[in-house]
Amino acid sequence: MATRYYTASSLDGFIATSDHSLDWLLKQDIDDDGPMSYPSFRAGVGAMALGATTFEWIMANNGSWDYTLPAWVFSHHDVEIPDGANIRRVKDDVRAVHAEMTAAAGGKDLWIVGGGELVGQFADAGLLDEVWVQYAPVTLGSGAPILPRSLDLELLDVARNRDFLCGRYRVVGALHVAAESLD
């Protein structure tokens, strides 16, 4: 079991535009049966956590909640949870939620969905094991950064899936850069 951040990114490191749009991503060509594809990743996931902005975007653009696995939505405001959905709204520390997710996942992986800041909180707590990024051939210039933390990563795997350059990384830990002396 591992805690993984699986996401797409523009080449300049953004997961969404400044107005939280993913339209740029939905125009890209990817093979659902290809390497590091979403369906193959999703098959190993037993529970997921996401921020309110990501949850609200999914609901607004899909019109429904299509996931059956347990989900935790981190939000400091009320979010409308669809009837019958296995979703918990939380504002707790990620450590407590991670323990709940692990218990609910049945030995499968945990997926931190979208929201670089939420992923950053898991990383800060030492609870993020891997980062999977599907780089799309676009630049956005600004927007929501992929992961607003300084992390040291080890490349585990790389592949091309049609338009996407896909990378899988192990989180080594926080990146510590020695301050340069000024002479």
N, C-alpha and C. Protein backbone atom coordinates (compact mmCIF):
# COMPACT_ATOMS: atom_id res chain seq x y z
N MET A 1 0.83 -1.17 0.00
CA MET A 1 0.00 0.00 0.00
C MET A 1 0.88 1.24 0.00
N ALA A 2 0.52 2.21 -0.84
CA ALA A 2 1.27 3.46 -0.92
C ALA A 2 0.29 4.62 -1.05
N THR A 3 0.73 5.80 -0.63
CA THR A 3 -0.04 7.02 -0.82
C THR A 3 0.54 7.72 -2.03
N ARG A 4 -0.30 7.90 -3.05
CA ARG A 4 0.18 8.40 -4.34
C ARG A 4 -0.59 9.64 -4.78
N TYR A 5 0.14 10.54 -5.39
CA TYR A 5 -0.44 11.71 -6.04
C TYR A 5 -0.35 11.44 -7.53
N TYR A 6 -1.49 11.24 -8.16
CA TYR A 6 -1.56 10.97 -9.60
C TYR A 6 -2.25 12.16 -10.23
N THR A 7 -1.58 12.83 -11.18
CA THR A 7 -2.14 14.04 -11.76
C THR A 7 -1.56 14.29 -13.14
N ALA A 8 -2.16 15.24 -13.82
CA ALA A 8 -1.62 15.75 -15.09
C ALA A 8 -1.09 17.15 -14.82
N SER A 9 -0.16 17.57 -15.67
CA SER A 9 0.43 18.90 -15.51
C SER A 9 0.76 19.48 -16.88
N SER A 10 0.70 20.80 -16.95
CA SER A 10 1.25 21.47 -18.12
C SER A 10 2.78 21.39 -18.02
N LEU A 11 3.47 21.65 -19.10
CA LEU A 11 4.94 21.59 -19.07
C LEU A 11 5.54 22.61 -18.10
N ASP A 12 4.81 23.71 -17.86
CA ASP A 12 5.33 24.71 -16.94
C ASP A 12 4.83 24.52 -15.51
N GLY A 13 4.28 23.34 -15.21
CA GLY A 13 4.04 22.96 -13.82
C GLY A 13 2.71 23.35 -13.21
N PHE A 14 1.67 23.50 -14.02
CA PHE A 14 0.36 23.85 -13.47
C PHE A 14 -0.65 22.73 -13.73
N ILE A 15 -1.52 22.49 -12.73
CA ILE A 15 -2.54 21.45 -12.88
C ILE A 15 -3.88 22.02 -13.30
N ALA A 16 -4.04 23.32 -13.19
CA ALA A 16 -5.27 24.00 -13.61
C ALA A 16 -4.94 25.45 -13.91
N THR A 17 -5.79 26.08 -14.69
CA THR A 17 -5.59 27.50 -14.99
C THR A 17 -5.92 28.34 -13.76
N SER A 18 -5.69 29.63 -13.84
CA SER A 18 -5.97 30.53 -12.72
C SER A 18 -7.44 30.52 -12.33
N ASP A 19 -8.33 30.22 -13.28
CA ASP A 19 -9.76 30.14 -12.97
C ASP A 19 -10.22 28.69 -12.74
N HIS A 20 -9.27 27.80 -12.43
CA HIS A 20 -9.52 26.40 -12.05
C HIS A 20 -10.03 25.53 -13.20
N SER A 21 -9.77 25.91 -14.42
CA SER A 21 -10.24 25.14 -15.57
C SER A 21 -9.25 24.03 -15.92
N LEU A 22 -9.83 22.92 -16.37
CA LEU A 22 -9.04 21.80 -16.90
C LEU A 22 -9.32 21.58 -18.38
N ASP A 23 -9.94 22.55 -19.03
CA ASP A 23 -10.27 22.40 -20.45
C ASP A 23 -9.03 22.08 -21.29
N TRP A 24 -7.90 22.67 -20.95
CA TRP A 24 -6.65 22.42 -21.67
C TRP A 24 -6.28 20.93 -21.63
N LEU A 25 -6.57 20.27 -20.52
CA LEU A 25 -6.21 18.86 -20.34
C LEU A 25 -7.12 17.95 -21.15
N LEU A 26 -8.39 18.27 -21.18
CA LEU A 26 -9.37 17.41 -21.83
C LEU A 26 -9.23 17.38 -23.35
N LYS A 27 -8.43 18.28 -23.90
CA LYS A 27 -8.19 18.33 -25.34
C LYS A 27 -7.01 17.45 -25.78
N GLN A 28 -6.30 16.87 -24.82
CA GLN A 28 -5.09 16.11 -25.12
C GLN A 28 -5.40 14.65 -25.43
N ASP A 29 -4.56 14.05 -26.27
CA ASP A 29 -4.74 12.66 -26.69
C ASP A 29 -3.96 11.73 -25.77
N ILE A 30 -4.68 10.77 -25.16
CA ILE A 30 -4.06 9.77 -24.30
C ILE A 30 -4.74 8.43 -24.55
N ASP A 31 -4.00 7.36 -24.41
CA ASP A 31 -4.52 6.01 -24.61
C ASP A 31 -4.88 5.42 -23.24
N ASP A 32 -6.17 5.18 -23.01
CA ASP A 32 -6.61 4.62 -21.73
C ASP A 32 -6.04 3.23 -21.45
N ASP A 33 -5.54 2.56 -22.47
CA ASP A 33 -4.90 1.26 -22.29
C ASP A 33 -3.38 1.36 -22.34
N GLY A 34 -2.87 2.58 -22.47
CA GLY A 34 -1.44 2.80 -22.60
C GLY A 34 -0.73 2.83 -21.25
N PRO A 35 0.59 3.05 -21.29
CA PRO A 35 1.39 3.05 -20.07
C PRO A 35 0.99 4.19 -19.13
N MET A 36 0.98 3.88 -17.85
CA MET A 36 0.68 4.83 -16.77
C MET A 36 -0.67 5.53 -16.95
N SER A 37 -1.61 4.84 -17.57
CA SER A 37 -2.93 5.43 -17.82
C SER A 37 -3.75 5.49 -16.54
N TYR A 38 -4.75 6.34 -16.57
CA TYR A 38 -5.65 6.50 -15.43
C TYR A 38 -6.36 5.18 -15.07
N PRO A 39 -6.96 4.46 -16.03
CA PRO A 39 -7.65 3.22 -15.63
C PRO A 39 -6.74 2.21 -14.93
N SER A 40 -5.51 2.05 -15.40
CA SER A 40 -4.63 1.09 -14.74
C SER A 40 -4.21 1.57 -13.35
N PHE A 41 -3.99 2.88 -13.21
CA PHE A 41 -3.68 3.44 -11.90
C PHE A 41 -4.86 3.25 -10.95
N ARG A 42 -6.03 3.63 -11.42
CA ARG A 42 -7.25 3.61 -10.62
C ARG A 42 -7.59 2.20 -10.10
N ALA A 43 -7.23 1.17 -10.84
CA ALA A 43 -7.53 -0.21 -10.43
C ALA A 43 -6.88 -0.58 -9.11
N GLY A 44 -5.78 0.07 -8.76
CA GLY A 44 -5.07 -0.25 -7.52
C GLY A 44 -5.42 0.64 -6.35
N VAL A 45 -6.40 1.52 -6.52
CA VAL A 45 -6.74 2.51 -5.50
C VAL A 45 -7.91 2.02 -4.64
N GLY A 46 -7.77 2.19 -3.32
CA GLY A 46 -8.82 1.77 -2.40
C GLY A 46 -9.52 2.92 -1.69
N ALA A 47 -8.92 4.12 -1.69
CA ALA A 47 -9.52 5.29 -1.07
C ALA A 47 -8.86 6.53 -1.66
N MET A 48 -9.59 7.66 -1.60
CA MET A 48 -9.08 8.89 -2.19
C MET A 48 -9.37 10.10 -1.31
N ALA A 49 -8.51 11.12 -1.44
CA ALA A 49 -8.72 12.39 -0.76
C ALA A 49 -8.60 13.49 -1.80
N LEU A 50 -9.44 14.50 -1.68
CA LEU A 50 -9.39 15.62 -2.61
C LEU A 50 -9.83 16.89 -1.92
N GLY A 51 -9.40 18.02 -2.49
CA GLY A 51 -9.81 19.31 -1.97
C GLY A 51 -11.18 19.69 -2.51
N ALA A 52 -11.77 20.69 -1.88
CA ALA A 52 -13.12 21.14 -2.25
C ALA A 52 -13.16 21.66 -3.69
N THR A 53 -12.14 22.38 -4.12
CA THR A 53 -12.14 22.93 -5.48
C THR A 53 -12.16 21.81 -6.51
N THR A 54 -11.36 20.77 -6.30
CA THR A 54 -11.34 19.63 -7.22
C THR A 54 -12.69 18.90 -7.20
N PHE A 55 -13.22 18.67 -6.00
CA PHE A 55 -14.52 18.01 -5.88
C PHE A 55 -15.60 18.80 -6.60
N GLU A 56 -15.64 20.10 -6.38
CA GLU A 56 -16.67 20.94 -7.01
C GLU A 56 -16.50 20.97 -8.52
N TRP A 57 -15.25 20.95 -9.02
CA TRP A 57 -15.03 20.92 -10.47
C TRP A 57 -15.56 19.60 -11.04
N ILE A 58 -15.27 18.48 -10.38
CA ILE A 58 -15.76 17.18 -10.84
C ILE A 58 -17.28 17.20 -10.91
N MET A 59 -17.92 17.67 -9.86
CA MET A 59 -19.39 17.68 -9.82
C MET A 59 -19.97 18.60 -10.90
N ALA A 60 -19.36 19.76 -11.10
CA ALA A 60 -19.87 20.72 -12.09
C ALA A 60 -19.67 20.22 -13.52
N ASN A 61 -18.58 19.48 -13.76
CA ASN A 61 -18.27 19.07 -15.13
C ASN A 61 -18.75 17.66 -15.47
N ASN A 62 -18.92 16.81 -14.47
CA ASN A 62 -19.43 15.46 -14.72
C ASN A 62 -20.93 15.37 -14.47
N GLY A 63 -21.43 16.25 -13.61
CA GLY A 63 -22.84 16.22 -13.27
C GLY A 63 -23.20 15.15 -12.26
N SER A 64 -22.23 14.29 -11.93
CA SER A 64 -22.49 13.24 -10.94
C SER A 64 -21.16 12.79 -10.35
N TRP A 65 -21.27 12.03 -9.28
CA TRP A 65 -20.10 11.44 -8.63
C TRP A 65 -20.04 9.99 -9.07
N ASP A 66 -19.01 9.64 -9.86
CA ASP A 66 -18.93 8.30 -10.44
C ASP A 66 -18.07 7.32 -9.66
N TYR A 67 -17.49 7.76 -8.55
CA TYR A 67 -16.60 6.90 -7.78
C TYR A 67 -17.39 6.13 -6.72
N THR A 68 -17.02 4.87 -6.53
CA THR A 68 -17.65 4.07 -5.48
C THR A 68 -16.73 3.91 -4.28
N LEU A 69 -15.44 4.16 -4.44
CA LEU A 69 -14.51 3.99 -3.34
C LEU A 69 -14.69 5.10 -2.31
N PRO A 70 -14.29 4.85 -1.08
CA PRO A 70 -14.41 5.87 -0.04
C PRO A 70 -13.59 7.11 -0.39
N ALA A 71 -14.18 8.28 -0.14
CA ALA A 71 -13.51 9.54 -0.47
C ALA A 71 -13.62 10.51 0.70
N TRP A 72 -12.58 11.30 0.88
CA TRP A 72 -12.54 12.36 1.89
C TRP A 72 -12.34 13.67 1.16
N VAL A 73 -13.27 14.60 1.34
CA VAL A 73 -13.18 15.92 0.72
C VAL A 73 -12.78 16.91 1.81
N PHE A 74 -11.62 17.52 1.63
CA PHE A 74 -11.12 18.51 2.58
C PHE A 74 -11.73 19.86 2.23
N SER A 75 -12.49 20.43 3.18
CA SER A 75 -13.15 21.70 2.92
C SER A 75 -13.45 22.41 4.23
N HIS A 76 -13.31 23.73 4.23
CA HIS A 76 -13.68 24.53 5.38
C HIS A 76 -15.07 25.13 5.21
N HIS A 77 -15.71 24.83 4.10
CA HIS A 77 -17.09 25.27 3.88
C HIS A 77 -17.95 24.07 3.50
N ASP A 78 -19.24 24.25 3.56
CA ASP A 78 -20.14 23.16 3.20
C ASP A 78 -20.03 22.84 1.71
N VAL A 79 -19.93 21.58 1.39
CA VAL A 79 -20.00 21.11 0.01
C VAL A 79 -21.18 20.15 -0.07
N GLU A 80 -21.88 20.19 -1.18
CA GLU A 80 -23.04 19.33 -1.34
C GLU A 80 -22.58 17.93 -1.74
N ILE A 81 -22.85 16.98 -0.86
CA ILE A 81 -22.48 15.58 -1.08
C ILE A 81 -23.67 14.87 -1.73
N PRO A 82 -23.45 14.22 -2.87
CA PRO A 82 -24.55 13.49 -3.52
C PRO A 82 -25.10 12.37 -2.63
N ASP A 83 -26.39 12.15 -2.69
CA ASP A 83 -27.02 11.07 -1.93
C ASP A 83 -26.38 9.74 -2.30
N GLY A 84 -26.08 8.94 -1.29
CA GLY A 84 -25.54 7.60 -1.50
C GLY A 84 -24.05 7.54 -1.78
N ALA A 85 -23.40 8.69 -1.93
CA ALA A 85 -21.96 8.71 -2.20
C ALA A 85 -21.18 8.39 -0.92
N ASN A 86 -20.12 7.64 -1.07
CA ASN A 86 -19.27 7.25 0.06
C ASN A 86 -18.22 8.34 0.28
N ILE A 87 -18.69 9.52 0.70
CA ILE A 87 -17.84 10.71 0.84
C ILE A 87 -17.98 11.27 2.24
N ARG A 88 -16.83 11.65 2.81
CA ARG A 88 -16.82 12.34 4.09
C ARG A 88 -16.21 13.72 3.88
N ARG A 89 -16.88 14.77 4.36
CA ARG A 89 -16.30 16.12 4.33
C ARG A 89 -15.50 16.28 5.62
N VAL A 90 -14.25 16.69 5.48
CA VAL A 90 -13.36 16.83 6.64
C VAL A 90 -12.60 18.14 6.56
N LYS A 91 -12.15 18.60 7.70
CA LYS A 91 -11.22 19.72 7.77
C LYS A 91 -10.12 19.40 8.77
N ASP A 92 -10.02 18.11 9.10
CA ASP A 92 -9.05 17.63 10.08
C ASP A 92 -7.64 17.66 9.50
N ASP A 93 -6.69 17.45 10.39
CA ASP A 93 -5.30 17.28 10.01
C ASP A 93 -5.18 16.05 9.12
N VAL A 94 -4.32 16.11 8.12
CA VAL A 94 -4.21 15.00 7.17
C VAL A 94 -3.74 13.70 7.83
N ARG A 95 -3.04 13.79 8.94
CA ARG A 95 -2.56 12.57 9.61
C ARG A 95 -3.72 11.69 10.07
N ALA A 96 -4.71 12.30 10.71
CA ALA A 96 -5.87 11.55 11.19
C ALA A 96 -6.66 10.98 10.02
N VAL A 97 -6.83 11.78 8.98
CA VAL A 97 -7.58 11.33 7.81
C VAL A 97 -6.82 10.20 7.10
N HIS A 98 -5.51 10.30 7.01
CA HIS A 98 -4.70 9.26 6.38
C HIS A 98 -4.91 7.92 7.08
N ALA A 99 -4.97 7.94 8.40
CA ALA A 99 -5.20 6.70 9.15
C ALA A 99 -6.58 6.12 8.82
N GLU A 100 -7.59 6.96 8.72
CA GLU A 100 -8.93 6.50 8.34
C GLU A 100 -8.93 5.93 6.93
N MET A 101 -8.27 6.62 6.02
CA MET A 101 -8.21 6.17 4.63
C MET A 101 -7.52 4.81 4.53
N THR A 102 -6.43 4.65 5.26
CA THR A 102 -5.68 3.39 5.24
C THR A 102 -6.57 2.25 5.70
N ALA A 103 -7.33 2.48 6.77
CA ALA A 103 -8.23 1.44 7.28
C ALA A 103 -9.31 1.10 6.27
N ALA A 104 -9.80 2.10 5.55
CA ALA A 104 -10.90 1.88 4.60
C ALA A 104 -10.44 1.30 3.26
N ALA A 105 -9.16 1.44 2.93
CA ALA A 105 -8.65 1.07 1.60
C ALA A 105 -8.49 -0.42 1.38
N GLY A 106 -8.58 -1.22 2.41
CA GLY A 106 -8.48 -2.67 2.25
C GLY A 106 -7.17 -3.13 1.64
N GLY A 107 -6.06 -2.50 2.02
CA GLY A 107 -4.75 -2.91 1.51
C GLY A 107 -4.38 -2.30 0.17
N LYS A 108 -5.30 -1.58 -0.45
CA LYS A 108 -5.02 -0.92 -1.73
C LYS A 108 -4.39 0.45 -1.47
N ASP A 109 -3.96 1.09 -2.56
CA ASP A 109 -3.29 2.39 -2.48
C ASP A 109 -4.26 3.51 -2.13
N LEU A 110 -3.70 4.60 -1.62
CA LEU A 110 -4.44 5.82 -1.37
C LEU A 110 -4.08 6.82 -2.47
N TRP A 111 -5.08 7.55 -2.96
CA TRP A 111 -4.88 8.50 -4.04
C TRP A 111 -5.22 9.90 -3.54
N ILE A 112 -4.24 10.79 -3.62
CA ILE A 112 -4.48 12.19 -3.33
C ILE A 112 -4.75 12.85 -4.68
N VAL A 113 -5.98 13.36 -4.85
CA VAL A 113 -6.47 13.84 -6.14
C VAL A 113 -6.37 15.35 -6.21
N GLY A 114 -5.72 15.86 -7.26
CA GLY A 114 -5.73 17.29 -7.52
C GLY A 114 -5.40 18.12 -6.30
N GLY A 115 -5.28 19.38 -6.48
CA GLY A 115 -5.01 20.26 -5.36
C GLY A 115 -3.62 20.13 -4.81
N GLY A 116 -2.67 20.82 -5.42
CA GLY A 116 -1.28 20.75 -4.99
C GLY A 116 -1.07 21.09 -3.53
N GLU A 117 -1.87 22.02 -2.98
CA GLU A 117 -1.72 22.39 -1.58
C GLU A 117 -2.10 21.22 -0.67
N LEU A 118 -3.18 20.52 -0.98
CA LEU A 118 -3.56 19.35 -0.18
C LEU A 118 -2.47 18.29 -0.24
N VAL A 119 -1.95 18.04 -1.42
CA VAL A 119 -0.86 17.07 -1.57
C VAL A 119 0.34 17.53 -0.75
N GLY A 120 0.59 18.84 -0.76
CA GLY A 120 1.69 19.39 0.03
C GLY A 120 1.54 19.11 1.52
N GLN A 121 0.31 19.15 2.02
CA GLN A 121 0.07 18.85 3.43
C GLN A 121 0.40 17.39 3.74
N PHE A 122 0.05 16.49 2.83
CA PHE A 122 0.41 15.08 3.02
C PHE A 122 1.93 14.92 2.99
N ALA A 123 2.59 15.63 2.07
CA ALA A 123 4.06 15.57 1.99
C ALA A 123 4.70 16.13 3.25
N ASP A 124 4.18 17.26 3.74
CA ASP A 124 4.71 17.87 4.96
C ASP A 124 4.64 16.91 6.14
N ALA A 125 3.60 16.08 6.16
CA ALA A 125 3.40 15.13 7.26
C ALA A 125 4.18 13.83 7.04
N GLY A 126 4.92 13.73 5.93
CA GLY A 126 5.68 12.51 5.65
C GLY A 126 4.80 11.36 5.19
N LEU A 127 3.63 11.68 4.63
CA LEU A 127 2.65 10.65 4.26
C LEU A 127 2.50 10.46 2.75
N LEU A 128 3.33 11.08 1.96
CA LEU A 128 3.26 10.95 0.50
C LEU A 128 4.41 10.07 0.02
N ASP A 129 4.07 8.95 -0.64
CA ASP A 129 5.09 8.00 -1.08
C ASP A 129 5.53 8.21 -2.52
N GLU A 130 4.56 8.51 -3.40
CA GLU A 130 4.89 8.64 -4.83
C GLU A 130 4.13 9.79 -5.47
N VAL A 131 4.73 10.30 -6.54
CA VAL A 131 4.12 11.33 -7.38
C VAL A 131 4.13 10.80 -8.80
N TRP A 132 2.95 10.71 -9.42
CA TRP A 132 2.80 10.28 -10.81
C TRP A 132 2.31 11.49 -11.60
N VAL A 133 3.08 11.91 -12.60
CA VAL A 133 2.70 13.09 -13.37
C VAL A 133 2.63 12.75 -14.85
N GLN A 134 1.53 13.12 -15.47
CA GLN A 134 1.35 12.99 -16.92
C GLN A 134 1.50 14.41 -17.49
N TYR A 135 2.64 14.70 -18.11
CA TYR A 135 2.93 16.04 -18.63
C TYR A 135 2.31 16.20 -20.02
N ALA A 136 1.43 17.20 -20.15
CA ALA A 136 0.78 17.50 -21.42
C ALA A 136 1.61 18.52 -22.20
N PRO A 137 1.56 18.48 -23.53
CA PRO A 137 2.36 19.39 -24.35
C PRO A 137 1.72 20.77 -24.48
N VAL A 138 1.49 21.42 -23.34
CA VAL A 138 0.97 22.79 -23.30
C VAL A 138 1.66 23.56 -22.19
N THR A 139 1.66 24.87 -22.30
CA THR A 139 2.08 25.73 -21.20
C THR A 139 0.92 26.65 -20.87
N LEU A 140 0.72 26.92 -19.60
CA LEU A 140 -0.40 27.75 -19.16
C LEU A 140 0.04 29.14 -18.71
N GLY A 141 1.30 29.29 -18.32
CA GLY A 141 1.80 30.59 -17.90
C GLY A 141 1.50 30.93 -16.45
N SER A 142 0.41 30.44 -15.92
CA SER A 142 0.05 30.65 -14.52
C SER A 142 -1.07 29.67 -14.18
N GLY A 143 -1.41 29.62 -12.91
CA GLY A 143 -2.48 28.74 -12.48
C GLY A 143 -2.17 28.07 -11.16
N ALA A 144 -2.77 26.92 -10.94
CA ALA A 144 -2.56 26.15 -9.71
C ALA A 144 -1.31 25.29 -9.89
N PRO A 145 -0.28 25.52 -9.06
CA PRO A 145 0.96 24.74 -9.22
C PRO A 145 0.76 23.27 -8.88
N ILE A 146 1.53 22.43 -9.54
CA ILE A 146 1.41 20.99 -9.36
C ILE A 146 1.66 20.57 -7.92
N LEU A 147 2.64 21.15 -7.27
CA LEU A 147 2.96 20.78 -5.89
C LEU A 147 3.82 21.89 -5.28
N PRO A 148 3.19 22.79 -4.54
CA PRO A 148 3.93 23.94 -4.01
C PRO A 148 4.77 23.61 -2.77
N ARG A 149 5.67 22.68 -2.93
CA ARG A 149 6.60 22.28 -1.89
C ARG A 149 7.95 21.99 -2.54
N SER A 150 9.00 22.03 -1.74
CA SER A 150 10.33 21.65 -2.21
C SER A 150 10.57 20.21 -1.78
N LEU A 151 10.52 19.30 -2.75
CA LEU A 151 10.69 17.88 -2.45
C LEU A 151 11.82 17.30 -3.27
N ASP A 152 12.51 16.35 -2.69
CA ASP A 152 13.52 15.56 -3.39
C ASP A 152 12.82 14.29 -3.86
N LEU A 153 12.88 14.02 -5.17
CA LEU A 153 12.19 12.88 -5.76
C LEU A 153 13.19 11.99 -6.48
N GLU A 154 12.87 10.71 -6.56
CA GLU A 154 13.68 9.75 -7.32
C GLU A 154 12.81 9.21 -8.45
N LEU A 155 13.30 9.32 -9.68
CA LEU A 155 12.56 8.81 -10.84
C LEU A 155 12.54 7.29 -10.80
N LEU A 156 11.33 6.71 -10.83
CA LEU A 156 11.16 5.26 -10.81
C LEU A 156 10.82 4.70 -12.18
N ASP A 157 10.05 5.46 -12.95
CA ASP A 157 9.59 4.96 -14.25
C ASP A 157 9.23 6.13 -15.13
N VAL A 158 9.37 5.95 -16.44
CA VAL A 158 9.01 6.97 -17.41
C VAL A 158 8.44 6.28 -18.65
N ALA A 159 7.46 6.93 -19.27
CA ALA A 159 6.84 6.36 -20.47
C ALA A 159 6.22 7.47 -21.29
N ARG A 160 5.92 7.14 -22.53
CA ARG A 160 5.15 8.04 -23.38
C ARG A 160 3.80 7.40 -23.61
N ASN A 161 2.76 8.18 -23.41
CA ASN A 161 1.40 7.75 -23.71
C ASN A 161 0.81 8.81 -24.63
N ARG A 162 0.90 8.53 -25.93
CA ARG A 162 0.47 9.45 -26.98
C ARG A 162 1.04 10.85 -26.75
N ASP A 163 0.19 11.84 -26.40
CA ASP A 163 0.67 13.21 -26.23
C ASP A 163 1.39 13.45 -24.90
N PHE A 164 1.34 12.49 -23.99
CA PHE A 164 1.83 12.72 -22.63
C PHE A 164 3.19 12.07 -22.37
N LEU A 165 4.02 12.79 -21.66
CA LEU A 165 5.26 12.27 -21.09
C LEU A 165 4.93 11.94 -19.65
N CYS A 166 5.01 10.67 -19.29
CA CYS A 166 4.55 10.20 -17.98
C CYS A 166 5.75 9.84 -17.10
N GLY A 167 5.72 10.32 -15.88
CA GLY A 167 6.78 10.00 -14.93
C GLY A 167 6.22 9.55 -13.61
N ARG A 168 6.89 8.60 -13.01
CA ARG A 168 6.53 8.10 -11.67
C ARG A 168 7.75 8.29 -10.79
N TYR A 169 7.55 8.96 -9.65
CA TYR A 169 8.64 9.33 -8.76
C TYR A 169 8.38 8.84 -7.34
N ARG A 170 9.43 8.45 -6.66
CA ARG A 170 9.36 8.14 -5.23
C ARG A 170 9.72 9.41 -4.47
N VAL A 171 8.96 9.72 -3.42
CA VAL A 171 9.27 10.88 -2.59
C VAL A 171 10.39 10.49 -1.64
N VAL A 172 11.53 11.15 -1.78
CA VAL A 172 12.68 10.91 -0.91
C VAL A 172 12.50 11.69 0.38
N GLY A 173 12.02 12.92 0.27
CA GLY A 173 11.79 13.77 1.44
C GLY A 173 11.83 15.22 1.05
N ALA A 174 11.85 16.07 2.04
CA ALA A 174 11.94 17.51 1.79
C ALA A 174 13.29 17.81 1.15
N LEU A 175 13.30 18.73 0.22
CA LEU A 175 14.54 19.14 -0.45
C LEU A 175 15.22 20.19 0.42
N HIS A 176 16.42 19.89 0.83
CA HIS A 176 17.19 20.83 1.65
C HIS A 176 18.31 21.37 0.80
N VAL A 177 18.25 22.65 0.53
CA VAL A 177 19.27 23.30 -0.28
C VAL A 177 20.13 24.15 0.64
N ALA A 178 21.43 23.93 0.55
CA ALA A 178 22.35 24.71 1.37
C ALA A 178 22.37 26.16 0.89
N ALA A 179 22.33 27.07 1.82
CA ALA A 179 22.39 28.49 1.46
C ALA A 179 23.78 28.80 0.90
N GLU A 180 23.80 29.52 -0.20
CA GLU A 180 25.07 29.91 -0.81
C GLU A 180 25.65 31.09 -0.05
N SER A 181 26.93 31.06 0.16
CA SER A 181 27.57 32.18 0.84
C SER A 181 27.77 33.33 -0.12
N LEU A 182 27.59 34.51 0.36
CA LEU A 182 27.78 35.70 -0.46
C LEU A 182 29.16 36.27 -0.15
N ASP A 183 30.02 36.30 -1.15
CA ASP A 183 31.37 36.83 -0.95
C ASP A 183 31.49 38.19 -1.57
